[in-house]
Protein backbone atom coordinates (compact mmCIF):
# COMPACT_ATOMS: atom_id res chain seq x y z
CA MET A 1 6.44 23.50 -4.63
CA SER A 2 2.89 24.81 -4.76
CA LYS A 3 2.08 24.62 -1.04
CA LYS A 4 4.38 25.54 1.62
CA TYR A 5 2.01 24.10 4.54
CA LEU A 6 -1.24 22.15 4.70
CA GLN A 7 -4.26 21.65 6.73
CA LEU A 8 -4.91 17.73 6.88
CA HIS A 9 -8.84 18.57 8.18
CA SER A 10 -11.04 21.37 8.15
CA HIS A 11 -11.40 20.83 12.42
CA ASP A 12 -7.52 20.90 13.31
CA ASN A 13 -5.96 23.79 14.88
CA VAL A 14 -2.40 23.05 13.35
CA LEU A 15 -1.00 23.11 10.04
CA VAL A 16 2.09 21.02 8.76
CA ALA A 17 4.84 22.28 6.78
CA LEU A 18 5.61 20.90 3.62
CA GLN A 19 8.97 22.35 3.53
CA ASP A 20 11.45 24.57 5.41
CA LEU A 21 9.67 27.41 7.13
CA GLU A 22 11.60 30.32 8.64
CA LYS A 23 11.19 32.55 11.49
CA GLY A 24 9.07 35.26 11.05
CA LEU A 25 7.35 34.30 7.83
CA THR A 26 3.73 35.41 7.87
CA VAL A 27 0.99 33.05 7.22
CA ASP A 28 -2.38 33.83 5.92
CA PHE A 29 -4.39 30.61 6.32
CA ASN A 30 -8.47 31.38 6.03
CA GLY A 31 -7.95 34.64 7.28
CA ASN A 32 -6.15 33.80 9.99
CA VAL A 33 -2.94 35.93 9.67
CA LEU A 34 0.06 34.47 11.92
CA THR A 35 3.92 35.32 11.66
CA LEU A 36 6.07 31.98 12.88
CA LYS A 37 7.94 32.77 16.16
CA GLU A 38 10.46 30.05 15.28
CA ASP A 39 11.93 28.08 12.22
CA ILE A 40 9.63 25.18 11.48
CA PRO A 41 11.16 22.30 10.04
CA ALA A 42 9.85 20.63 6.69
CA LYS A 43 7.39 17.16 8.50
CA HIS A 44 6.81 19.50 11.76
CA LYS A 45 3.43 21.44 12.79
CA PHE A 46 2.50 24.87 14.34
CA TYR A 47 -0.30 26.00 16.14
CA LEU A 48 -3.23 27.79 14.23
CA ASN A 49 -4.23 29.59 17.74
CA THR A 50 -3.08 30.69 21.18
CA MET A 51 -3.66 28.09 23.99
CA GLN A 52 -3.47 27.02 27.15
CA PRO A 53 -2.54 23.83 29.66
CA GLY A 54 -5.49 21.31 29.04
CA ASP A 55 -6.54 22.71 25.40
CA GLU A 56 -6.83 19.81 23.17
CA VAL A 57 -5.26 19.49 20.16
CA THR A 58 -6.72 17.96 16.61
CA MET A 59 -5.11 16.96 13.61
CA TYR A 60 -6.81 14.18 11.02
CA GLY A 61 -9.67 15.67 12.81
CA VAL A 62 -9.30 13.96 15.97
CA LEU A 63 -7.63 14.67 19.53
CA VAL A 64 -4.23 14.23 18.99
CA GLY A 65 -2.35 15.75 22.21
CA LYS A 66 -3.26 18.30 24.86
CA ILE A 67 -1.16 21.79 25.31
CA GLN A 68 1.22 20.97 28.41
CA THR A 69 2.94 24.91 27.97
CA PRO A 70 0.98 27.70 27.29
CA VAL A 71 1.80 28.28 23.63
CA ASN A 72 1.22 31.10 20.87
CA GLU A 73 -0.01 30.83 17.14
CA GLY A 74 3.24 30.05 14.93
CA ASP A 75 5.02 28.19 17.56
CA LEU A 76 6.34 25.20 16.97
CA MET A 77 4.96 21.82 18.23
CA THR A 78 7.50 20.25 20.45
CA VAL A 79 7.36 17.45 22.62
CA ASN A 80 7.63 20.18 25.60
CA ASN A 81 4.43 21.89 24.83
CA LEU A 82 2.37 18.83 23.98
CA LYS A 83 1.57 14.92 25.41
CA HIS A 84 -0.65 12.74 24.08
CA ALA A 85 -3.84 12.13 24.05
CA ALA A 86 -6.86 10.38 22.46
CA GLU A 87 -10.68 9.69 22.56
CA ASP A 88 -12.13 6.71 24.45
CA TYR A 89 -13.35 4.50 22.09
CA ALA A 90 -16.51 1.77 22.06
CA TYR A 91 -18.73 -0.34 20.09
CA ARG A 92 -21.84 1.69 19.10
CA GLU A 93 -24.57 1.16 16.41
CA VAL A 94 -23.55 3.00 13.09
CA SER A 95 -24.28 2.75 9.40
CA TYR A 96 -21.38 2.70 7.78
CA GLN A 97 -20.81 4.13 4.01
CA TRP A 98 -18.08 2.89 2.13
CA GLU A 99 -17.52 4.65 -1.50
CA LYS A 100 -15.55 2.22 -3.64
CA PRO A 101 -13.32 3.33 -6.32
CA ASP A 102 -13.03 3.01 -9.98
CA VAL A 103 -11.80 -0.19 -10.69
CA SER A 104 -12.72 -0.62 -13.98
CA LYS A 105 -9.38 -0.48 -15.63
CA TYR A 106 -8.38 -3.55 -13.17
CA ILE A 107 -11.30 -6.11 -13.68
CA ASP A 108 -9.85 -8.09 -16.37
CA LYS A 109 -5.48 -7.92 -15.30
CA THR A 110 -4.32 -10.68 -13.74
CA PHE A 111 -0.60 -11.89 -11.88
CA LEU A 112 1.23 -14.63 -12.54
CA GLY A 113 1.28 -16.81 -9.88
CA TYR A 114 2.17 -20.37 -8.55
CA HIS A 115 -0.71 -21.75 -7.64
CA ARG A 116 -1.37 -24.79 -4.94
CA GLU A 117 -3.43 -27.39 -4.91
CA ASP A 118 -5.81 -25.89 -1.68
CA GLY A 119 -7.17 -23.14 -4.12
CA ARG A 120 -4.12 -20.47 -3.00
CA VAL A 121 -1.77 -18.57 -5.21
CA GLY A 122 1.90 -17.75 -3.95
CA THR A 123 3.42 -14.81 -5.87
CA ALA A 124 6.97 -16.53 -5.01
CA ASN A 125 7.78 -20.24 -4.76
CA TYR A 126 10.15 -20.98 -1.96
CA TRP A 127 11.56 -24.03 -0.02
CA LEU A 128 11.52 -23.36 3.31
CA PHE A 129 14.11 -25.15 6.58
CA ILE A 130 12.19 -24.84 9.17
CA PRO A 131 14.55 -25.47 12.96
CA THR A 132 12.10 -26.56 15.84
CA VAL A 133 14.74 -25.30 18.31
CA PHE A 134 17.79 -22.01 18.19
CA CYS A 135 20.15 -25.35 18.91
CA GLU A 136 19.77 -26.22 15.04
CA ASN A 137 20.32 -22.62 14.36
CA ARG A 138 24.02 -23.69 13.27
CA ASN A 139 23.18 -26.71 11.26
CA LEU A 140 21.02 -24.48 9.10
CA ASP A 141 23.55 -21.78 8.60
CA VAL A 142 25.79 -24.28 7.37
CA ILE A 143 23.60 -25.61 5.28
CA LYS A 144 22.44 -22.09 3.66
CA GLU A 145 26.30 -21.16 3.32
CA ALA A 146 26.13 -24.66 0.85
CA LEU A 147 23.13 -24.26 -0.87
CA HIS A 148 22.64 -20.84 -1.43
CA HIS A 149 26.33 -20.40 -3.09
CA THR A 150 26.32 -23.52 -4.73
CA LEU A 151 22.54 -23.13 -6.29
CA GLY A 152 22.73 -19.32 -7.12
CA TYR A 153 20.76 -17.63 -4.17
CA ALA A 154 23.17 -15.56 -2.71
CA VAL A 155 23.67 -11.91 -3.03
CA THR A 156 26.76 -10.83 -4.49
CA ASP A 157 30.76 -11.59 -2.96
CA LYS A 158 31.56 -8.25 -3.98
CA TYR A 159 31.75 -7.14 0.10
CA LYS A 160 34.09 -10.17 0.51
CA LEU A 161 36.21 -9.43 -2.56
CA TYR A 162 36.49 -6.11 -1.11
CA THR A 163 37.81 -6.92 2.87
CA LYS A 164 40.22 -9.28 0.39
CA ALA A 165 41.14 -6.40 -1.12
CA LEU A 166 41.86 -4.64 2.50
CA ARG A 167 44.37 -7.39 3.87
CA GLU A 168 45.98 -7.42 0.45
CA ALA A 169 46.58 -3.74 1.09
CA LEU A 170 47.41 -4.20 4.95
CA GLU A 171 50.22 -6.93 3.85
CA ALA A 172 51.65 -4.76 1.01
CA GLY A 173 51.90 -2.31 3.55
CA LYS A 174 49.94 0.28 2.31
CA ASP A 175 47.70 3.16 3.76
CA ILE A 176 44.32 1.32 4.38
CA GLN A 177 42.72 4.80 5.59
CA ASN A 178 42.86 6.89 1.96
CA LEU A 179 42.42 3.24 0.53
CA SER A 180 40.31 4.23 -2.48
CA LEU A 181 38.61 0.65 -3.38
CA GLU A 182 35.58 0.08 -6.03
CA LEU A 183 33.14 -1.95 -4.65
CA ASN A 184 32.23 -3.53 -7.64
CA ALA A 185 29.13 -5.79 -7.94
CA VAL A 186 30.42 -9.79 -8.78
CA GLN A 187 28.25 -11.84 -11.66
CA PRO A 188 26.63 -14.07 -9.22
CA THR A 189 26.03 -17.94 -10.23
CA GLU A 190 23.56 -18.70 -12.03
CA ARG A 191 20.49 -19.96 -10.71
CA LEU A 192 20.06 -23.86 -11.64
CA PHE A 193 16.95 -23.98 -10.26
CA LYS A 194 14.64 -21.24 -12.60
CA ASN A 195 10.83 -21.90 -10.93
CA VAL A 196 12.44 -22.07 -6.93
CA ASP A 197 12.50 -18.31 -6.21
CA GLY A 198 14.51 -18.96 -2.96
CA ILE A 199 15.72 -21.00 -0.46
CA LYS A 200 14.75 -19.39 2.95
CA PHE A 201 15.75 -19.99 6.39
CA LEU A 202 13.99 -18.56 9.52
CA ASN A 203 16.39 -19.17 12.18
CA HIS A 204 15.16 -17.98 15.99
CA GLN A 205 15.60 -18.13 19.77
CA GLY A 206 12.90 -20.28 20.98
CA GLY A 207 11.82 -23.39 20.59
CA CYS A 208 12.88 -24.25 24.16
CA GLY A 209 13.30 -22.67 27.62
CA GLY A 210 11.16 -20.19 28.30
CA THR A 211 7.75 -20.77 28.89
CA ARG A 212 5.47 -23.76 27.08
CA GLN A 213 3.09 -20.92 25.92
CA ASP A 214 6.03 -19.39 23.86
CA ALA A 215 6.78 -22.84 22.50
CA GLU A 216 3.18 -23.11 21.78
CA LEU A 217 2.90 -20.16 19.64
CA LEU A 218 6.22 -20.54 18.02
CA SER A 219 4.75 -24.03 16.74
CA LYS A 220 1.50 -21.84 15.32
CA LEU A 221 3.87 -19.60 13.92
CA LEU A 222 6.45 -21.75 12.13
CA ALA A 223 3.05 -23.99 11.06
CA SER A 224 1.50 -21.00 9.80
CA TYR A 225 4.61 -20.41 7.74
CA ALA A 226 4.80 -24.06 6.05
CA ASN A 227 1.26 -23.64 5.44
CA HIS A 228 1.78 -20.09 3.49
CA PRO A 229 1.36 -20.08 0.01
CA ASN A 230 4.27 -18.89 -1.45
CA VAL A 231 6.08 -21.98 0.00
CA ALA A 232 6.12 -24.90 -2.26
CA GLY A 233 7.63 -27.34 0.89
CA VAL A 234 9.63 -27.62 3.78
CA THR A 235 12.75 -29.13 5.65
CA VAL A 236 12.18 -29.51 9.63
CA LEU A 237 15.31 -29.78 11.66
CA SER A 238 14.61 -31.16 15.54
CA LEU A 239 17.06 -31.21 18.18
CA GLY A 240 15.25 -34.08 19.64
CA CYS A 241 14.28 -33.40 23.62
CA GLN A 242 13.13 -29.47 23.47
CA HIS A 243 9.89 -27.96 24.42
CA LEU A 244 8.39 -27.56 21.33
CA GLN A 245 8.41 -31.32 19.77
CA THR A 246 7.95 -32.01 16.08
CA GLN A 247 4.43 -33.61 16.45
CA ASN A 248 3.44 -30.56 18.06
CA PHE A 249 4.48 -28.76 14.83
CA LEU A 250 2.73 -31.32 12.56
CA ASP A 251 -0.22 -30.93 14.71
CA ASP A 252 -0.47 -27.53 14.40
CA LEU A 253 0.51 -27.65 10.49
CA LYS A 254 -2.74 -30.05 10.03
CA ARG A 255 -5.10 -28.06 11.84
CA TYR A 256 -4.27 -24.88 9.65
CA ASN A 257 -4.68 -27.15 6.77
CA PRO A 258 -6.02 -30.91 6.99
CA ASN A 259 -5.23 -31.12 3.68
CA PHE A 260 -1.60 -30.11 3.37
CA ASN A 261 0.36 -32.14 0.86
CA LYS A 262 3.34 -30.41 0.28
CA PRO A 263 6.69 -32.00 -0.08
CA LEU A 264 8.00 -32.57 3.94
CA LEU A 265 11.16 -33.39 5.02
CA VAL A 266 12.19 -34.23 8.74
CA PHE A 267 15.44 -34.32 10.52
CA GLU A 268 16.14 -35.21 14.41
CA GLN A 269 19.37 -34.88 14.94
CA GLN A 270 19.67 -36.65 18.52
CA GLN A 271 18.25 -39.71 16.30
CA SER A 272 21.13 -39.39 13.80
CA LYS A 273 24.24 -41.05 13.46
CA SER A 274 25.84 -37.55 13.81
CA GLU A 275 25.62 -33.59 12.80
CA GLU A 276 28.07 -34.52 9.04
CA GLN A 277 25.11 -37.26 8.32
CA LEU A 278 22.15 -35.09 9.45
CA ILE A 279 23.53 -32.12 7.55
CA LYS A 280 24.36 -34.34 4.00
CA ASP A 281 21.23 -36.26 4.55
CA ALA A 282 18.83 -32.72 4.74
CA ILE A 283 21.08 -31.19 1.87
CA GLN A 284 20.24 -34.33 -0.22
CA GLN A 285 16.64 -34.66 0.14
CA THR A 286 16.34 -31.36 -0.30
CA PHE A 287 18.04 -30.96 -3.57
CA LEU A 288 15.64 -33.77 -4.75
CA GLN A 289 12.63 -32.22 -3.73
CA LEU A 290 13.65 -28.74 -5.29
CA VAL A 291 13.92 -30.64 -8.57
CA GLU A 292 10.58 -31.31 -8.51
CA ILE A 293 9.29 -28.01 -7.17
CA ASN A 294 10.87 -26.43 -9.96
CA LYS A 295 8.65 -28.03 -12.72
CA ILE A 296 5.91 -25.91 -10.83
CA GLY A 297 5.64 -22.66 -13.37
CA ARG A 298 3.42 -19.42 -13.03
CA LYS A 299 0.41 -19.47 -14.69
CA PRO A 300 -2.50 -16.39 -14.51
CA ALA A 301 -4.45 -15.58 -11.75
CA PRO A 302 -6.84 -12.94 -10.54
CA LEU A 303 -6.25 -9.93 -8.60
CA SER A 304 -8.65 -11.68 -6.18
CA ALA A 305 -6.45 -14.16 -5.16
CA LEU A 306 -3.66 -11.94 -3.71
CA THR A 307 -3.08 -11.11 -0.14
CA VAL A 308 -1.87 -7.48 0.83
CA GLY A 309 -0.02 -6.66 4.19
CA VAL A 310 0.10 -2.88 4.31
CA LYS A 311 3.11 -1.84 7.16
CA CYS A 312 4.81 1.40 7.87
CA GLY A 313 8.37 2.00 9.91
CA GLY A 314 11.09 4.31 10.60
CA SER A 315 7.93 7.18 9.71
CA ASP A 316 8.13 10.41 9.43
CA GLY A 317 5.77 13.70 9.20
CA PHE A 318 5.05 12.83 5.98
CA SER A 319 3.81 9.62 6.46
CA GLY A 320 0.46 10.28 6.93
CA ILE A 321 0.33 12.52 4.32
CA SER A 322 1.79 10.88 0.97
CA ALA A 323 3.21 6.88 1.42
CA ASN A 324 -0.03 5.91 3.81
CA PRO A 325 -3.18 7.40 1.78
CA ALA A 326 -1.41 6.33 -1.26
CA VAL A 327 -0.84 2.87 -0.49
CA GLY A 328 -4.38 3.03 1.25
CA TYR A 329 -6.05 3.59 -1.61
CA THR A 330 -4.17 0.83 -3.18
CA ALA A 331 -5.76 -1.18 -0.18
CA ASP A 332 -9.29 0.08 -1.30
CA LEU A 333 -8.62 -1.10 -5.05
CA LEU A 334 -7.91 -4.69 -3.92
CA VAL A 335 -10.95 -4.94 -1.41
CA THR A 336 -12.76 -3.84 -4.29
CA LEU A 337 -11.57 -6.34 -6.35
CA GLY A 338 -12.01 -9.33 -4.13
CA ALA A 339 -8.27 -9.23 -2.64
CA LYS A 340 -7.08 -9.57 1.09
CA VAL A 341 -5.67 -6.92 2.92
CA LEU A 342 -4.24 -7.03 5.96
CA LEU A 343 -3.51 -4.12 8.65
CA ALA A 344 -1.66 -4.61 11.44
CA GLU A 345 0.52 -3.11 14.58
CA PHE A 346 -2.36 -2.11 17.00
CA PRO A 347 0.17 0.07 18.92
CA GLU A 348 -0.14 1.94 15.94
CA LEU A 349 -4.06 1.96 16.06
CA CYS A 350 -4.04 4.23 19.38
CA GLY A 351 -6.15 7.47 18.84
CA ALA A 352 -7.94 5.24 15.70
CA GLU A 353 -9.67 3.34 17.18
CA GLN A 354 -13.22 4.55 17.33
CA ASN A 355 -12.94 5.09 13.10
CA MET A 356 -11.86 1.68 12.90
CA ILE A 357 -14.58 0.38 15.58
CA ASP A 358 -17.40 2.45 13.30
CA ARG A 359 -15.90 0.59 10.12
CA CYS A 360 -16.13 -3.05 11.52
CA GLU A 361 -18.93 -5.31 9.99
CA GLY A 362 -20.50 -6.29 13.11
CA LYS A 363 -20.44 -6.37 17.03
CA GLU A 364 -19.01 -9.33 17.38
CA ILE A 365 -15.12 -8.70 15.14
CA ALA A 366 -15.95 -4.87 16.79
CA GLU A 367 -15.70 -6.11 20.39
CA LYS A 368 -12.69 -8.93 19.39
CA PHE A 369 -10.64 -5.53 17.96
CA ILE A 370 -11.66 -3.72 21.29
CA HIS A 371 -10.35 -6.83 23.65
CA LEU A 372 -7.21 -7.01 22.02
CA MET A 373 -6.20 -3.51 21.84
CA GLN A 374 -6.98 -3.42 25.55
CA THR A 375 -5.69 -6.02 26.52
CA TYR A 376 -2.36 -5.37 24.62
CA ASP A 377 -2.26 -1.87 25.76
CA ALA A 378 -2.97 -3.12 29.91
CA GLN A 379 -0.41 -5.56 29.43
CA ALA A 380 2.36 -2.68 28.73
CA HIS A 381 0.81 -0.04 31.51
CA ALA A 382 1.32 -2.85 33.68
CA VAL A 383 5.11 -2.56 32.87
CA GLY A 384 5.70 1.09 33.45
CA SER A 385 4.79 1.50 29.49
CA GLY A 386 1.83 1.73 27.11
CA PHE A 387 0.71 2.78 23.35
CA HIS A 388 1.75 6.36 24.25
CA MET A 389 5.34 5.19 24.10
CA ASN A 390 5.57 4.02 20.85
CA PRO A 391 7.05 6.64 18.96
CA SER A 392 10.58 6.12 18.31
CA PRO A 393 13.26 9.35 18.59
CA GLY A 394 13.19 9.31 15.02
CA ASN A 395 9.47 9.71 14.66
CA ILE A 396 9.54 12.28 16.95
CA LYS A 397 12.97 13.69 15.31
CA ASP A 398 10.81 13.75 11.85
CA GLY A 399 7.51 15.46 13.27
CA LEU A 400 5.60 12.50 15.28
CA ILE A 401 5.18 14.17 18.40
CA THR A 402 2.76 11.63 19.64
CA ASP A 403 1.73 8.53 19.47
CA ALA A 404 -2.01 9.39 18.14
CA ILE A 405 0.00 11.88 15.79
CA LYS A 406 1.64 8.70 14.55
CA SER A 407 -1.18 6.21 14.70
CA THR A 408 -3.80 8.27 12.50
CA GLY A 409 -1.46 9.03 10.28
CA ALA A 410 -0.20 5.20 10.00
CA ALA A 411 -3.96 4.25 9.70
CA LYS A 412 -4.57 5.90 6.47
CA LYS A 413 -2.45 2.56 5.14
CA GLY A 414 -5.90 0.79 5.64
CA GLY A 415 -7.96 3.13 3.23
CA THR A 416 -11.51 3.23 4.42
CA ALA A 417 -13.08 -0.26 3.88
CA PRO A 418 -15.22 -1.95 6.04
CA VAL A 419 -13.33 -4.24 8.41
CA VAL A 420 -14.63 -7.51 7.68
CA ASP A 421 -12.34 -9.75 10.43
CA VAL A 422 -10.11 -9.33 13.41
CA LEU A 423 -7.37 -11.73 13.40
CA ASP A 424 -5.16 -12.66 16.69
CA TYR A 425 -1.69 -13.26 16.13
CA THR A 426 -0.58 -16.44 13.71
CA GLU A 427 -4.53 -16.25 12.92
CA PRO A 428 -4.81 -17.32 8.93
CA ALA A 429 -7.22 -14.66 7.20
CA VAL A 430 -9.95 -16.39 5.72
CA LYS A 431 -12.14 -13.41 4.27
CA PRO A 432 -12.06 -11.31 1.09
CA GLY A 433 -11.81 -7.47 2.38
CA LEU A 434 -9.78 -5.50 5.12
CA ASN A 435 -8.38 -7.74 7.75
CA LEU A 436 -7.07 -6.04 11.40
CA VAL A 437 -4.11 -8.52 12.54
CA CYS A 438 -3.20 -7.75 16.27
CA THR A 439 0.83 -7.68 16.08
CA PRO A 440 3.05 -5.29 17.93
CA GLY A 441 4.38 -1.96 15.68
CA ASN A 442 7.93 -2.93 15.63
CA ASP A 443 8.92 -3.66 12.14
CA VAL A 444 10.49 -7.43 11.81
CA GLU A 445 7.93 -8.30 14.53
CA ALA A 446 4.79 -6.83 12.32
CA THR A 447 5.88 -8.50 8.69
CA THR A 448 6.24 -11.54 10.61
CA GLY A 449 3.07 -11.63 11.98
CA LYS A 450 1.40 -10.67 8.58
CA ALA A 451 3.08 -13.33 6.91
CA ALA A 452 1.80 -15.73 9.56
CA SER A 453 -1.87 -14.29 8.67
CA GLY A 454 -1.29 -15.16 4.85
CA ALA A 455 0.22 -11.78 3.37
CA THR A 456 1.62 -12.63 -0.06
CA LEU A 457 3.03 -9.14 -0.82
CA ILE A 458 3.76 -6.50 2.03
CA LEU A 459 3.57 -2.82 1.29
CA PHE A 460 6.16 -1.19 3.83
CA THR A 461 6.29 2.34 3.91
CA THR A 462 8.82 4.33 5.00
CA GLY A 463 10.01 7.90 5.68
CA LEU A 464 13.39 7.96 7.08
CA GLY A 465 14.30 4.78 5.91
CA THR A 466 14.53 1.08 7.11
CA PRO A 467 15.76 -2.47 5.19
CA THR A 468 13.10 -4.57 6.51
CA GLY A 469 12.48 -7.63 4.67
CA ASN A 470 10.40 -11.35 5.09
CA PRO A 471 11.74 -14.68 4.08
CA VAL A 472 8.31 -15.72 2.42
CA CYS A 473 6.80 -12.40 1.62
CA PRO A 474 8.33 -10.04 -0.62
CA VAL A 475 8.43 -6.47 0.80
CA ILE A 476 7.68 -3.58 -1.44
CA LYS A 477 9.36 -0.40 0.23
CA VAL A 478 7.64 2.80 -0.58
CA ALA A 479 9.00 6.12 0.55
CA THR A 480 7.25 9.44 1.60
CA ASN A 481 9.38 11.54 0.00
CA SER A 482 11.97 12.22 -2.57
CA GLY A 483 15.29 12.89 -0.67
CA LEU A 484 14.54 9.33 1.22
CA ALA A 485 14.20 7.92 -2.69
CA LEU A 486 17.11 9.04 -3.97
CA ARG A 487 19.48 8.88 -1.05
CA MET A 488 18.61 5.06 0.05
CA SER A 489 17.79 3.96 -3.44
CA ASP A 490 19.22 0.66 -2.57
CA ILE A 491 16.47 0.05 -0.98
CA ILE A 492 13.47 2.54 -2.44
CA ASP A 493 11.15 0.75 -4.64
CA ILE A 494 8.28 3.42 -4.96
CA ASP A 495 8.78 7.31 -4.26
CA THR A 496 5.24 8.98 -3.62
CA GLY A 497 7.27 12.66 -3.09
CA ALA A 498 5.09 13.60 -5.92
CA ILE A 499 2.33 13.77 -3.33
CA ILE A 500 4.32 16.95 -0.79
CA ARG A 501 4.91 18.25 -4.66
CA GLY A 502 1.90 18.61 -5.63
CA GLU A 503 2.66 16.75 -8.72
CA LYS A 504 0.27 13.74 -8.07
CA SER A 505 -2.96 12.77 -6.21
CA ILE A 506 -3.27 10.04 -3.57
CA ALA A 507 -5.24 8.56 -6.36
CA GLU A 508 -2.88 8.56 -9.10
CA MET A 509 -0.11 7.20 -6.75
CA GLY A 510 -2.39 4.49 -5.51
CA GLU A 511 -2.83 3.24 -8.70
CA GLU A 512 1.06 3.41 -9.77
CA ILE A 513 1.32 1.08 -6.63
CA LEU A 514 -1.02 -1.31 -7.51
CA ASP A 515 0.98 -1.89 -10.93
CA TYR A 516 3.97 -2.55 -9.17
CA CYS A 517 2.45 -4.89 -6.97
CA ILE A 518 0.86 -6.90 -9.90
CA LYS A 519 4.40 -6.46 -11.47
CA ALA A 520 6.16 -7.82 -8.65
CA ALA A 521 3.58 -10.54 -7.73
CA SER A 522 3.95 -11.67 -11.32
CA GLY A 523 7.97 -11.92 -10.84
CA GLU A 524 8.54 -9.36 -13.42
CA ILE A 525 10.04 -6.86 -10.92
CA ILE A 526 12.50 -8.00 -7.60
CA PRO A 527 11.30 -5.52 -5.14
CA LYS A 528 15.22 -4.50 -3.11
CA ALA A 529 14.78 -6.19 -0.01
CA VAL A 530 13.96 -9.77 -1.92
CA GLY A 531 17.34 -8.82 -3.79
CA LEU A 532 19.38 -8.31 -0.83
CA ASN A 533 18.10 -11.48 0.69
CA GLN A 534 16.60 -9.24 3.63
CA ASP A 535 14.89 -12.29 5.20
CA ASP A 536 14.22 -10.57 9.04
CA PHE A 537 12.05 -13.10 10.94
CA ILE A 538 11.03 -11.94 14.44
CA PRO A 539 8.30 -14.33 16.38
CA TRP A 540 6.36 -12.43 18.95
CA LYS A 541 6.43 -14.09 22.25
CA ARG A 542 3.20 -12.15 23.09
CA GLY A 543 5.11 -9.51 25.75
CA VAL A 544 5.19 -6.01 25.65
CA SER A 545 6.48 -4.89 22.02
CA LEU A 546 5.47 -1.52 20.64
């Protein structure tokens, strides 16, 4: 590794350790010679100056916290000596200048996607099962078990065989504790429908109970998924008496797409002869429709037809240095090519607000962003929390001491392009360019919201490792460091650790990520989360979730 530490901005008064630094190490930075007072773990920060309580700490060129106890140069940044602080923000008249990246090598490139009649292009061809109420979850589970295993969509049965081997060993009187068993993958059943990439199920805990507003928001969310370009057809299961009536869902679907014409099957249990009849009918009629959508094949589409969400989860002290800026460069390439990019997680834009506001194309867009941010943060404060409490224990342990540090690094995923639109939860993205989407920072709630706004791929950066996926939108995992990529290779798709080692530039890595996206969008590569059927789906009830 060529560098041991890094200053992220010329105005910063802290340095980031790129590797473990030992106590007593002499650091000569721009003529400022200091000695480390303690060990500095990789990803953590140490102070360049002696500071007193109330002094401001700057990273990425912005305020990220204020000193709580006296610190000396070379001291480790901790939650005890630094607390979150961020600059106030407001709309101001600025002329934002954006330098577009060179996209000459991508101008004529295409991906192989599924063309829908409304002009949108999917990166996958899924059949979707939707329950209007949690009462139907069991029926969905029964149908899923039947269809997945018979039609070739089930994840390997190796764990069933492993459990069977444990049982047989116990019955034979063998020592289970020291039993060595190989988890060999079982050859999956061959898919019957080659052009149907999956049959997906949106199990949830809503639709009744709670408030009517909860049911209304869930209806919009489910309708947005039914209308998603990666979805070819839908089966709806309803109980009948719940708050979220089937007609409400159908009305929302028409509002999203007045010309909606995908196959849509609706089954209401309280109108059925029996549960068995309901399940048999749902399986049979869905099967007939799978035959039809299997006739849809992939065809070339311009990269401008992509809608890519950018997300981070299980973030570490390298997130804002490697994976996030690399994905940000990919985002800038996509925007330049005319695609849509979705940046969400509003609690993780705390401290980066002014930068986002200054990049908004117009006062109306900026004021919508300000309103959504302030309303959301006020709701959090009303229950004794706030955006400043977003960092998780894992984030803090790996060097993200304040929310402003985490957020300013997280915002790097959105690149540097102008903000063309701000979307509330479940609002569809319609403008090419960078869109901000109001969601929680929670991994699954955020990815659920991005897909609702139309993301057809999601780039998900992680420093600690997380298996999050989505039912209708392929999720691509991007590791911030090579240690993680090696240790959790079963869930990681791309390794950006070469940036930390100085072996690749952010631009080079950004282009590699885009190349991977093109292959994933064409079905040439299956992201790990997709291969594992990691179909996470959590509706946001619009309560406080950070």
